[in-house]
């Protein structure tokens, strides 16, 4: 297609410049929000969060194409550069990095860049894009005008973008199935399977700075206290694994595994300490300070695992004791548990602790 004809096509289909800019800003915000929310979704009923994230991502591709085509001369002509141009270029790099790594991951490419999977790199680009986009917007702020958002043609164009994005996703999934790429056996979360049984079957991952030294089982003990009539401390030798559960662990770094976990049913533990009637939540605390809280009825069905696939849990997988919480994402399966607290309220501060635990 000739350059003149391409310009004619773009002129006919592209929305107003301000509409493109503000749509990108809103969609990036929604992408970050839905991406972070997706970290907490482990049950199939949460699939709309992931579907929205993917469709919005494809829509951003089209809008970004309009944006880059419009400003191409300003970027390519170094004589027209201003101090704010560097921020604009960095913003474009972060956006293209987030989009490209996301699409490669969805297409089935499973490679590691140093310590990180492509999905982790995708998240990193996405988080970096937020402050860069705000900085870019502050240097070229143009408030939206009502006229830019009005008109039947504008509505039709945006509806067409969304429908086209959904169609592209369907075609991509069909291609994965036909070509038998690594994207054809994903969960709805996008995670890829890790086969086998036991410690060696799935990767060792740590959340942020959680990386304690191996735990001396002879010196370790599990404390169970809080709103209980009979708090206890259990040494490792006193633990009697009597519960087994086949459960799916879905890690936010992009993989999942189905394993048979054995250990202590939390419900049995709560009966042993006689949890009080007004208890509503159970908090599981790691030796690193990391913690997560479950509603008490959900916690009763969870397991504090000592073994996986018939093997004693390795240190990297949370030994001597790890929470197994079916339906939750991997970062909520607390490793190296040494304290269980029965509470009468949730623990919103756990979100902050996930970012600072493990730091001295």
Protein backbone atom coordinates (compact mmCIF):
# COMPACT_ATOMS: atom_id res chain seq x y z
CA UNK A 1 0.00 0.00 0.00
CA UNK A 2 1.39 3.43 -0.99
CA UNK A 3 2.12 6.07 1.62
CA UNK A 4 -0.59 8.35 0.27
CA UNK A 5 -3.21 5.62 0.34
CA UNK A 6 -2.17 4.62 3.87
CA UNK A 7 -2.60 8.21 5.03
CA UNK A 8 -6.04 8.28 3.44
CA UNK A 9 -7.09 5.10 5.25
CA UNK A 10 -5.81 6.40 8.59
CA UNK A 11 -7.60 9.72 8.08
CA UNK A 12 -10.89 7.89 7.57
CA UNK A 13 -10.73 5.51 10.52
CA UNK A 14 -8.71 7.28 13.21
CA UNK A 15 -10.60 9.01 16.04
CA UNK A 16 -9.92 12.61 17.01
CA UNK A 17 -6.39 13.13 18.42
CA UNK A 18 -7.57 14.10 21.90
CA UNK A 19 -9.93 11.15 21.97
CA UNK A 20 -7.05 8.81 21.12
CA UNK A 21 -4.84 10.32 23.83
CA UNK A 22 -7.43 10.19 26.59
CA UNK A 23 -8.63 6.75 25.53
CA UNK A 24 -5.07 5.48 25.85
CA UNK A 25 -4.77 7.05 29.29
CA UNK A 26 -8.03 5.49 30.51
CA UNK A 27 -7.31 2.08 28.96
CA UNK A 28 -3.81 1.91 30.44
CA UNK A 29 -5.30 2.66 33.86
CA UNK A 30 -7.91 -0.06 33.39
CA UNK A 31 -5.23 -2.48 32.19
CA UNK A 32 -3.13 -1.90 35.30
CA UNK A 33 -6.18 -2.23 37.56
CA UNK A 34 -7.43 -5.41 35.88
CA UNK A 35 -3.89 -6.83 35.79
CA UNK A 36 -3.41 -6.32 39.51
CA UNK A 37 -6.89 -7.66 40.23
CA UNK A 38 -6.13 -10.75 38.14
CA UNK A 39 -3.37 -11.65 40.60
CA UNK A 40 -6.05 -12.44 43.18
CA UNK A 41 -8.36 -14.42 40.87
CA UNK A 42 -7.86 -18.16 40.92
CA UNK A 43 -11.31 -19.59 40.33
CA UNK A 44 -12.77 -20.03 36.81
CA UNK A 45 -15.69 -17.73 37.65
CA UNK A 46 -13.20 -14.86 37.48
CA UNK A 47 -12.47 -15.33 33.76
CA UNK A 48 -14.09 -11.98 32.74
CA UNK A 49 -11.25 -10.09 34.45
CA UNK A 50 -8.69 -11.76 32.20
CA UNK A 51 -10.84 -11.47 29.08
CA UNK A 52 -11.31 -7.74 29.64
CA UNK A 53 -7.56 -7.33 30.17
CA UNK A 54 -6.78 -9.07 26.87
CA UNK A 55 -9.39 -7.26 24.80
CA UNK A 56 -8.33 -3.89 26.21
CA UNK A 57 -4.72 -4.74 25.37
CA UNK A 58 -5.53 -5.41 21.73
CA UNK A 59 -7.56 -2.18 21.60
CA UNK A 60 -4.55 -0.27 22.91
CA UNK A 61 -2.50 -1.62 20.00
CA UNK A 62 -4.83 0.07 17.49
CA UNK A 63 -4.98 3.34 19.43
CA UNK A 64 -1.21 3.38 19.88
CA UNK A 65 -0.79 2.87 16.14
CA UNK A 66 -2.95 5.96 15.52
CA UNK A 67 -0.93 7.89 18.11
CA UNK A 68 2.51 6.92 16.77
CA UNK A 69 1.49 7.56 13.19
CA UNK A 70 0.35 11.05 14.14
CA UNK A 71 3.56 12.00 16.00
CA UNK A 72 6.05 10.08 13.86
CA UNK A 73 7.67 13.18 12.35
CA UNK A 74 8.06 14.81 15.75
CA UNK A 75 9.92 11.74 17.05
CA UNK A 76 12.00 10.93 13.96
CA UNK A 77 13.17 14.52 13.36
CA UNK A 78 15.81 15.16 16.02
CA UNK A 79 15.73 18.90 15.25
CA UNK A 80 12.17 19.01 16.58
CA UNK A 81 13.02 17.31 19.88
CA UNK A 82 12.27 19.10 23.14
CA UNK A 83 13.14 18.07 26.73
CA UNK A 84 9.70 16.44 27.00
CA UNK A 85 10.34 14.32 23.90
CA UNK A 86 12.59 11.97 25.86
CA UNK A 87 9.73 11.24 28.26
CA UNK A 88 7.44 10.62 25.29
CA UNK A 89 9.92 8.16 23.76
CA UNK A 90 10.36 6.30 27.07
CA UNK A 91 6.58 6.10 27.41
CA UNK A 92 6.31 4.61 23.93
CA UNK A 93 9.08 2.09 24.71
CA UNK A 94 7.32 0.98 27.92
CA UNK A 95 3.99 0.67 26.08
CA UNK A 96 5.49 -1.34 23.22
CA UNK A 97 7.41 -3.50 25.71
CA UNK A 98 4.27 -4.30 27.69
CA UNK A 99 2.25 -5.07 24.56
CA UNK A 100 4.91 -7.17 22.82
CA UNK A 101 5.76 -9.31 25.87
CA UNK A 102 2.06 -9.78 26.58
CA UNK A 103 1.33 -10.97 23.04
CA UNK A 104 4.37 -13.24 22.92
CA UNK A 105 3.29 -14.82 26.21
CA UNK A 106 -0.27 -15.34 24.99
CA UNK A 107 1.06 -16.81 21.74
CA UNK A 108 2.81 -19.54 23.72
CA UNK A 109 6.42 -18.37 23.96
CA UNK A 110 7.82 -19.67 27.25
CA UNK A 111 11.28 -18.23 27.80
CA UNK A 112 13.06 -16.68 30.76
CA UNK A 113 14.89 -13.39 30.76
CA UNK A 114 17.40 -13.80 33.59
CA UNK A 115 15.20 -14.65 36.62
CA UNK A 116 11.88 -13.57 35.06
CA UNK A 117 9.34 -15.14 32.75
CA UNK A 118 7.93 -13.10 29.87
CA UNK A 119 4.81 -12.58 31.98
CA UNK A 120 6.89 -11.03 34.78
CA UNK A 121 8.61 -8.74 32.26
CA UNK A 122 5.18 -7.80 30.90
CA UNK A 123 4.07 -6.81 34.41
CA UNK A 124 7.25 -4.79 34.91
CA UNK A 125 6.72 -2.82 31.70
CA UNK A 126 3.09 -2.22 32.65
CA UNK A 127 3.95 -0.84 36.08
CA UNK A 128 6.70 1.37 34.61
CA UNK A 129 4.25 2.71 32.05
CA UNK A 130 1.99 4.32 34.67
CA UNK A 131 4.38 7.02 36.00
CA UNK A 132 5.79 7.58 32.51
CA UNK A 133 2.31 8.11 31.08
CA UNK A 134 1.45 10.57 33.84
CA UNK A 135 4.70 12.46 33.21
CA UNK A 136 4.02 12.47 29.47
CA UNK A 137 0.49 13.74 30.03
CA UNK A 138 1.71 16.54 32.30
CA UNK A 139 4.01 17.87 29.56
CA UNK A 140 1.37 17.81 26.85
CA UNK A 141 -1.84 18.23 28.81
CA UNK A 142 -4.86 19.02 26.68
CA UNK A 143 -8.18 18.69 28.51
CA UNK A 144 -10.79 16.61 26.72
CA UNK A 145 -13.50 18.41 24.82
CA UNK A 146 -17.06 17.25 24.58
CA UNK A 147 -17.01 17.57 20.81
CA UNK A 148 -14.24 14.96 20.61
CA UNK A 149 -16.48 12.34 22.20
CA UNK A 150 -19.74 13.10 20.45
CA UNK A 151 -21.17 11.71 17.26
CA UNK A 152 -22.40 8.43 15.89
CA UNK A 153 -19.22 7.91 13.90
CA UNK A 154 -17.10 8.03 17.06
CA UNK A 155 -19.28 5.41 18.76
CA UNK A 156 -19.16 3.17 15.71
CA UNK A 157 -15.36 3.44 15.47
CA UNK A 158 -14.84 2.49 19.10
CA UNK A 159 -17.37 -0.33 18.96
CA UNK A 160 -15.56 -1.58 15.88
CA UNK A 161 -12.21 -1.48 17.69
CA UNK A 162 -13.54 -3.51 20.60
CA UNK A 163 -15.24 -6.09 18.36
CA UNK A 164 -12.12 -6.37 16.19
CA UNK A 165 -10.00 -6.88 19.32
CA UNK A 166 -12.25 -9.72 20.48
CA UNK A 167 -12.07 -11.32 17.02
CA UNK A 168 -8.26 -11.07 17.02
CA UNK A 169 -8.17 -12.89 20.37
CA UNK A 170 -10.39 -15.67 19.05
CA UNK A 171 -8.21 -16.07 15.97
CA UNK A 172 -5.09 -16.18 18.14
CA UNK A 173 -6.58 -18.97 20.26
CA UNK A 174 -7.56 -20.87 17.14
CA UNK A 175 -4.01 -20.51 15.82
CA UNK A 176 -2.61 -21.80 19.13
CA UNK A 177 -4.85 -24.85 18.92
CA UNK A 178 -4.10 -25.59 15.25
CA UNK A 179 -0.35 -25.04 15.57
CA UNK A 180 -0.23 -26.75 19.00
CA UNK A 181 1.80 -23.94 20.50
CA UNK A 182 2.40 -23.48 24.21
CA UNK A 183 -0.66 -21.28 24.36
CA UNK A 184 -3.14 -24.08 23.69
CA UNK A 185 -2.91 -25.67 27.14
CA UNK A 186 -3.20 -22.53 29.27
CA UNK A 187 -5.57 -21.99 32.13
CA UNK A 188 -7.99 -19.08 31.86
CA UNK A 189 -5.40 -17.12 33.86
CA UNK A 190 -2.84 -17.58 31.07
CA UNK A 191 -0.62 -19.82 33.19
CA UNK A 192 1.20 -22.71 31.51
CA UNK A 193 1.27 -26.25 32.96
CA UNK A 194 4.17 -27.82 34.83
CA UNK A 195 3.91 -31.60 34.80
CA UNK A 196 5.17 -34.21 37.24
CA UNK A 197 4.91 -34.87 40.96
CA UNK A 198 6.91 -33.66 43.92
CA UNK A 199 9.32 -30.82 44.56
CA UNK A 200 11.14 -31.03 41.23
CA UNK A 201 7.94 -30.79 39.17
CA UNK A 202 7.43 -27.04 39.50
CA UNK A 203 9.64 -23.95 39.92
CA UNK A 204 10.78 -22.42 43.17
CA UNK A 205 9.55 -18.84 43.32
CA UNK A 206 9.66 -16.24 46.07
CA UNK A 207 7.52 -13.15 46.48
CA UNK A 208 9.57 -9.90 46.41
CA UNK A 209 12.30 -10.26 49.09
CA UNK A 210 11.18 -13.48 50.79
CA UNK A 211 14.28 -15.67 50.84
CA UNK A 212 15.00 -17.01 54.35
CA UNK A 213 17.82 -19.34 55.27
CA UNK A 214 16.88 -23.02 55.47
CA UNK A 215 14.88 -23.68 58.62
CA UNK A 216 16.17 -25.98 61.35
CA UNK A 217 13.21 -28.26 61.91
CA UNK A 218 14.46 -29.20 65.37
CA UNK A 219 14.35 -25.56 66.47
CA UNK A 220 11.12 -24.67 64.62
CA UNK A 221 7.62 -24.72 66.12
CA UNK A 222 4.13 -23.81 64.94
CA UNK A 223 2.20 -21.42 67.19
CA UNK A 224 -1.60 -21.36 67.06
CA UNK A 225 -3.15 -18.54 69.06
CA UNK A 226 -5.49 -15.56 68.92
CA UNK A 227 -9.20 -16.04 69.61
CA UNK A 228 -8.82 -19.58 70.90
CA UNK A 229 -9.47 -21.22 74.23
CA UNK A 230 -6.32 -23.36 74.19
CA UNK A 231 -3.35 -21.86 72.30
CA UNK A 232 -0.64 -24.38 71.43
CA UNK A 233 2.91 -24.64 70.15
CA UNK A 234 3.67 -27.69 68.02
CA UNK A 235 7.20 -28.85 67.34
CA UNK A 236 7.87 -30.42 63.96
CA UNK A 237 8.14 -33.89 65.42
CA UNK A 238 4.68 -33.47 66.95
CA UNK A 239 3.01 -32.77 63.61
CA UNK A 240 1.03 -35.73 62.39
CA UNK A 241 0.08 -35.33 58.71
CA UNK A 242 -3.37 -36.87 58.37
CA UNK A 243 -4.94 -34.95 55.49
CA UNK A 244 -4.40 -35.21 51.74
CA UNK A 245 -5.65 -32.84 49.09
CA UNK A 246 -5.16 -32.72 45.33
CA UNK A 247 -4.97 -29.01 44.59
CA UNK A 248 -3.94 -26.75 41.74
CA UNK A 249 -1.26 -24.16 42.47
CA UNK A 250 -1.45 -21.25 39.98
CA UNK A 251 1.53 -18.92 40.31
CA UNK A 252 1.28 -15.30 39.20
CA UNK A 253 4.62 -15.68 37.39
CA UNK A 254 2.77 -17.70 34.76
CA UNK A 255 2.68 -21.42 35.52
CA UNK A 256 0.42 -23.91 37.28
CA UNK A 257 0.76 -27.42 38.64
CA UNK A 258 -1.63 -30.00 40.08
CA UNK A 259 -0.12 -31.82 43.04
CA UNK A 260 -1.19 -34.05 45.90
CA UNK A 261 -0.42 -32.23 49.14
CA UNK A 262 -0.43 -33.85 52.57
CA UNK A 263 -0.31 -32.30 56.00
CA UNK A 264 -2.69 -30.97 58.63
CA UNK A 265 -6.23 -29.85 57.86
CA UNK A 266 -6.66 -26.35 59.28
CA UNK A 267 -10.19 -27.16 60.40
CA UNK A 268 -8.86 -29.96 62.61
CA UNK A 269 -6.28 -27.56 64.04
CA UNK A 270 -9.00 -25.00 64.88
CA UNK A 271 -11.04 -27.65 66.67
CA UNK A 272 -7.98 -28.66 68.65
CA UNK A 273 -7.45 -25.12 69.97
CA UNK A 274 -11.21 -24.48 70.30
CA UNK A 275 -11.63 -21.35 68.18
CA UNK A 276 -14.02 -18.85 69.79
CA UNK A 277 -17.52 -18.24 68.41
CA UNK A 278 -16.78 -14.66 67.27
CA UNK A 279 -13.75 -15.68 65.19
CA UNK A 280 -14.20 -14.78 61.52
CA UNK A 281 -10.71 -15.00 59.94
CA UNK A 282 -7.50 -16.99 60.19
CA UNK A 283 -4.11 -15.38 59.50
CA UNK A 284 -1.14 -17.47 58.36
CA UNK A 285 2.24 -15.90 59.10
CA UNK A 286 5.64 -16.80 57.63
CA UNK A 287 9.03 -16.69 59.33
CA UNK A 288 9.76 -13.76 56.96
CA UNK A 289 6.82 -11.73 58.28
CA UNK A 290 4.80 -12.39 55.13
CA UNK A 291 1.17 -13.19 55.92
CA UNK A 292 -2.21 -13.83 54.39
CA UNK A 293 -5.68 -14.09 55.91
CA UNK A 294 -8.60 -16.31 54.90
CA UNK A 295 -12.24 -16.24 56.03
CA UNK A 296 -12.55 -18.89 58.71
CA UNK A 297 -14.89 -21.16 56.73
CA UNK A 298 -12.49 -21.16 53.79
CA UNK A 299 -9.55 -21.66 56.15
CA UNK A 300 -11.13 -24.75 57.67
CA UNK A 301 -10.88 -26.49 54.30
CA UNK A 302 -7.24 -25.44 53.74
CA UNK A 303 -4.22 -27.62 54.52
CA UNK A 304 -0.91 -26.83 56.16
CA UNK A 305 1.26 -29.08 54.02
CA UNK A 306 4.41 -30.90 55.06
CA UNK A 307 4.66 -33.01 51.90
CA UNK A 308 4.02 -32.64 48.16
CA UNK A 309 3.75 -35.59 45.78
CA UNK A 310 4.78 -37.93 48.57
CA UNK A 311 8.00 -35.97 49.26
CA UNK A 312 8.77 -33.82 52.26
CA UNK A 313 8.47 -30.18 51.22
CA UNK A 314 11.82 -28.71 50.25
CA UNK A 315 12.92 -25.41 51.73
CA UNK A 316 12.35 -23.58 48.44
CA UNK A 317 8.75 -24.77 48.31
CA UNK A 318 8.00 -23.61 51.84
CA UNK A 319 9.17 -26.42 54.09
CA UNK A 320 8.68 -27.32 56.82
CA UNK A 321 5.10 -26.03 56.51
CA UNK A 322 3.20 -24.32 53.69
CA UNK A 323 -0.38 -23.19 53.33
CA UNK A 324 -2.38 -24.94 50.60
CA UNK A 325 -5.42 -22.78 49.76
CA UNK A 326 -7.38 -24.22 46.79
CA UNK A 327 -8.83 -21.56 44.53
CA UNK A 328 -6.28 -18.95 45.61
CA UNK A 329 -3.27 -17.76 43.59
CA UNK A 330 0.21 -18.92 44.49
CA UNK A 331 1.33 -15.81 46.38
CA UNK A 332 -1.50 -16.45 48.86
CA UNK A 333 -0.16 -19.93 49.65
CA UNK A 334 2.08 -18.70 52.47
CA UNK A 335 5.46 -20.46 52.70
CA UNK A 336 7.47 -21.22 55.86
CA UNK A 337 4.43 -20.86 58.13
CA UNK A 338 5.30 -20.67 61.82
CA UNK A 339 2.21 -18.96 63.23
CA UNK A 340 -1.55 -19.29 62.81
CA UNK A 341 -3.67 -16.54 64.35
CA UNK A 342 -7.45 -16.74 64.79
CA UNK A 343 -9.01 -13.29 64.42
CA UNK A 344 -12.32 -11.43 64.43
CA UNK A 345 -11.50 -9.25 61.42
CA UNK A 346 -9.68 -9.31 58.07
CA UNK A 347 -6.16 -7.95 57.67
CA UNK A 348 -5.94 -5.19 55.02
CA UNK A 349 -2.33 -4.48 56.04
CA UNK A 350 -1.31 -7.82 54.50
CA UNK A 351 -1.12 -6.07 51.11
CA UNK A 352 1.62 -3.77 52.41
CA UNK A 353 3.42 -6.63 54.13
CA UNK A 354 3.69 -8.53 50.85
CA UNK A 355 5.91 -5.69 49.58
CA UNK A 356 8.17 -5.30 52.63
CA UNK A 357 8.44 -8.82 54.08
CA UNK A 358 11.87 -10.39 53.88
CA UNK A 359 13.74 -7.07 54.06
CA UNK A 360 15.99 -6.65 57.06
